[in-house]
Amino acid sequence: IAEHPGKVRHQWSPECEHSKARLTEILQEQRLDVKSIELEGAISEGLLEASAAHNVSMLVMGAYGHARIGQMLFGGTTSKMLHSEASPALALCH
């Protein structure tokens, strides 16, 4: 999900595409249903809409910390997802 897709598309490298393909392969080897979609707009809203549209049972996402003041000013996608009642979410810190 990109808030400004025109700025991101030119930065999408072949390594990213390879990583996405490899991750899909690994998950499918574990007999998990994998679907890759591209959306644009606000990230948390896009994730919630996509999870509802595709009947997602759980969202798994990476998380990393920001200064408390930054989160107060800008919010955080991970925080919004964890506080949403729409779909269970698991955040993995790195």
C-alpha atoms as a PDB file:
ATOM      1  CA  ILE A   1       0.000   0.000   0.000  1.00  0.00           C
ATOM      2  CA  ALA A   2       1.472   3.312  -1.009  1.00  0.00           C
ATOM      3  CA  GLU A   3       0.089   6.699  -0.071  1.00  0.00           C
ATOM      4  CA  HIS A   4       1.805   8.200  -3.121  1.00  0.00           C
ATOM      5  CA  PRO A   5       2.223   5.299  -5.581  1.00  0.00           C
ATOM      6  CA  GLY A   6       3.866   7.392  -8.295  1.00  0.00           C
ATOM      7  CA  LYS A   7       6.782   8.076  -5.954  1.00  0.00           C
ATOM      8  CA  VAL A   8       7.156   4.414  -5.008  1.00  0.00           C
ATOM      9  CA  ARG A   9       6.754   2.557  -8.301  1.00  0.00           C
ATOM     10  CA  HIS A  10      10.010   3.842  -9.774  1.00  0.00           C
ATOM     11  CA  GLN A  11      11.829   2.726  -6.604  1.00  0.00           C
ATOM     12  CA  TRP A  12      10.473  -0.849  -6.713  1.00  0.00           C
ATOM     13  CA  SER A  13      13.616  -2.801  -7.491  1.00  0.00           C
ATOM     14  CA  PRO A  14      14.091  -6.251  -9.028  1.00  0.00           C
ATOM     15  CA  GLU A  15      15.368  -7.385  -5.603  1.00  0.00           C
ATOM     16  CA  CYS A  16      12.005  -6.476  -4.062  1.00  0.00           C
ATOM     17  CA  GLU A  17      10.155  -8.415  -6.722  1.00  0.00           C
ATOM     18  CA  HIS A  18      12.462 -11.405  -6.174  1.00  0.00           C
ATOM     19  CA  SER A  19      11.948 -11.201  -2.392  1.00  0.00           C
ATOM     20  CA  LYS A  20       8.170 -11.072  -2.818  1.00  0.00           C
ATOM     21  CA  ALA A  21       8.278 -14.114  -5.117  1.00  0.00           C
ATOM     22  CA  ARG A  22      10.542 -16.030  -2.725  1.00  0.00           C
ATOM     23  CA  LEU A  23       8.356 -15.222   0.289  1.00  0.00           C
ATOM     24  CA  THR A  24       5.284 -16.381  -1.623  1.00  0.00           C
ATOM     25  CA  GLU A  25       7.083 -19.622  -2.490  1.00  0.00           C
ATOM     26  CA  ILE A  26       8.112 -20.260   1.138  1.00  0.00           C
ATOM     27  CA  LEU A  27       4.599 -19.631   2.443  1.00  0.00           C
ATOM     28  CA  GLN A  28       3.024 -21.824  -0.229  1.00  0.00           C
ATOM     29  CA  GLU A  29       5.429 -24.641   0.693  1.00  0.00           C
ATOM     30  CA  GLN A  30       3.825 -24.456   4.149  1.00  0.00           C
ATOM     31  CA  ARG A  31       0.418 -24.838   2.471  1.00  0.00           C
ATOM     32  CA  LEU A  32      -0.607 -21.272   3.205  1.00  0.00           C
ATOM     33  CA  ASP A  33      -2.896 -19.426   0.835  1.00  0.00           C
ATOM     34  CA  VAL A  34      -0.939 -16.424  -0.469  1.00  0.00           C
ATOM     35  CA  LYS A  35      -2.297 -13.498  -2.420  1.00  0.00           C
ATOM     36  CA  SER A  36      -0.240 -10.415  -3.251  1.00  0.00           C
ATOM     37  CA  ILE A  37      -2.163  -7.214  -3.910  1.00  0.00           C
ATOM     38  CA  GLU A  38      -1.165  -3.617  -4.539  1.00  0.00           C
ATOM     39  CA  LEU A  39      -3.225  -0.793  -3.099  1.00  0.00           C
ATOM     40  CA  GLU A  40      -2.868   2.931  -2.807  1.00  0.00           C
ATOM     41  CA  GLY A  41      -4.035   5.302  -0.103  1.00  0.00           C
ATOM     42  CA  ALA A  42      -3.672   5.522   3.665  1.00  0.00           C
ATOM     43  CA  ILE A  43      -1.844   2.402   4.813  1.00  0.00           C
ATOM     44  CA  SER A  44      -3.854   1.386   7.880  1.00  0.00           C
ATOM     45  CA  GLU A  45      -7.194   1.974   6.149  1.00  0.00           C
ATOM     46  CA  GLY A  46      -6.002   0.037   3.096  1.00  0.00           C
ATOM     47  CA  LEU A  47      -4.896  -2.902   5.223  1.00  0.00           C
ATOM     48  CA  LEU A  48      -8.218  -2.983   7.059  1.00  0.00           C
ATOM     49  CA  GLU A  49     -10.239  -2.749   3.842  1.00  0.00           C
ATOM     50  CA  ALA A  50      -8.139  -5.422   2.118  1.00  0.00           C
ATOM     51  CA  SER A  51      -8.316  -7.788   5.096  1.00  0.00           C
ATOM     52  CA  ALA A  52     -12.115  -7.439   5.176  1.00  0.00           C
ATOM     53  CA  ALA A  53     -12.460  -7.835   1.398  1.00  0.00           C
ATOM     54  CA  HIS A  54     -10.301 -10.981   1.356  1.00  0.00           C
ATOM     55  CA  ASN A  55     -11.680 -12.479   4.592  1.00  0.00           C
ATOM     56  CA  VAL A  56      -8.252 -12.447   6.254  1.00  0.00           C
ATOM     57  CA  SER A  57      -8.145 -14.334   9.559  1.00  0.00           C
ATOM     58  CA  MET A  58      -4.993 -12.615  10.882  1.00  0.00           C
ATOM     59  CA  LEU A  59      -2.597  -9.857   9.868  1.00  0.00           C
ATOM     60  CA  VAL A  60       1.080 -10.432  10.624  1.00  0.00           C
ATOM     61  CA  MET A  61       3.261  -7.350  10.337  1.00  0.00           C
ATOM     62  CA  GLY A  62       6.684  -6.099  11.290  1.00  0.00           C
ATOM     63  CA  ALA A  63       6.969  -3.287  13.818  1.00  0.00           C
ATOM     64  CA  TYR A  64       9.686  -0.941  14.897  1.00  0.00           C
ATOM     65  CA  GLY A  65       9.674   1.842  17.425  1.00  0.00           C
ATOM     66  CA  HIS A  66       9.553   5.566  16.876  1.00  0.00           C
ATOM     67  CA  ALA A  67       9.894   8.361  19.365  1.00  0.00           C
ATOM     68  CA  ARG A  68       6.737   8.780  21.434  1.00  0.00           C
ATOM     69  CA  ILE A  69       6.277  12.356  20.204  1.00  0.00           C
ATOM     70  CA  GLY A  70       6.437  11.176  16.581  1.00  0.00           C
ATOM     71  CA  GLN A  71       3.698   8.641  17.173  1.00  0.00           C
ATOM     72  CA  MET A  72       1.567  11.248  18.926  1.00  0.00           C
ATOM     73  CA  LEU A  73       1.920  13.619  15.976  1.00  0.00           C
ATOM     74  CA  PHE A  74       1.696  11.181  13.091  1.00  0.00           C
ATOM     75  CA  GLY A  75       0.149   8.049  14.576  1.00  0.00           C
ATOM     76  CA  GLY A  76       1.484   4.668  13.629  1.00  0.00           C
ATOM     77  CA  THR A  77       0.207   2.053  11.219  1.00  0.00           C
ATOM     78  CA  THR A  78       1.107  -0.759  13.597  1.00  0.00           C
ATOM     79  CA  SER A  79      -0.636   0.971  16.491  1.00  0.00           C
ATOM     80  CA  LYS A  80      -3.778   1.544  14.420  1.00  0.00           C
ATOM     81  CA  MET A  81      -3.817  -2.074  13.303  1.00  0.00           C
ATOM     82  CA  LEU A  82      -3.319  -3.453  16.813  1.00  0.00           C
ATOM     83  CA  HIS A  83      -6.128  -1.281  18.191  1.00  0.00           C
ATOM     84  CA  SER A  84      -8.571  -2.132  15.414  1.00  0.00           C
ATOM     85  CA  GLU A  85     -11.314  -4.615  16.168  1.00  0.00           C
ATOM     86  CA  ALA A  86     -11.740  -5.482  12.492  1.00  0.00           C
ATOM     87  CA  SER A  87      -9.086  -8.197  12.260  1.00  0.00           C
ATOM     88  CA  PRO A  88      -6.681  -9.851  14.719  1.00  0.00           C
ATOM     89  CA  ALA A  89      -3.117  -8.597  14.259  1.00  0.00           C
ATOM     90  CA  LEU A  90       0.263  -9.902  15.357  1.00  0.00           C
ATOM     91  CA  ALA A  91       3.179  -7.463  15.417  1.00  0.00           C
ATOM     92  CA  LEU A  92       6.728  -8.807  15.247  1.00  0.00           C
ATOM     93  CA  CYS A  93       9.294  -6.333  16.563  1.00  0.00           C
ATOM     94  CA  HIS A  94      12.608  -5.925  14.776  1.00  0.00           C
END
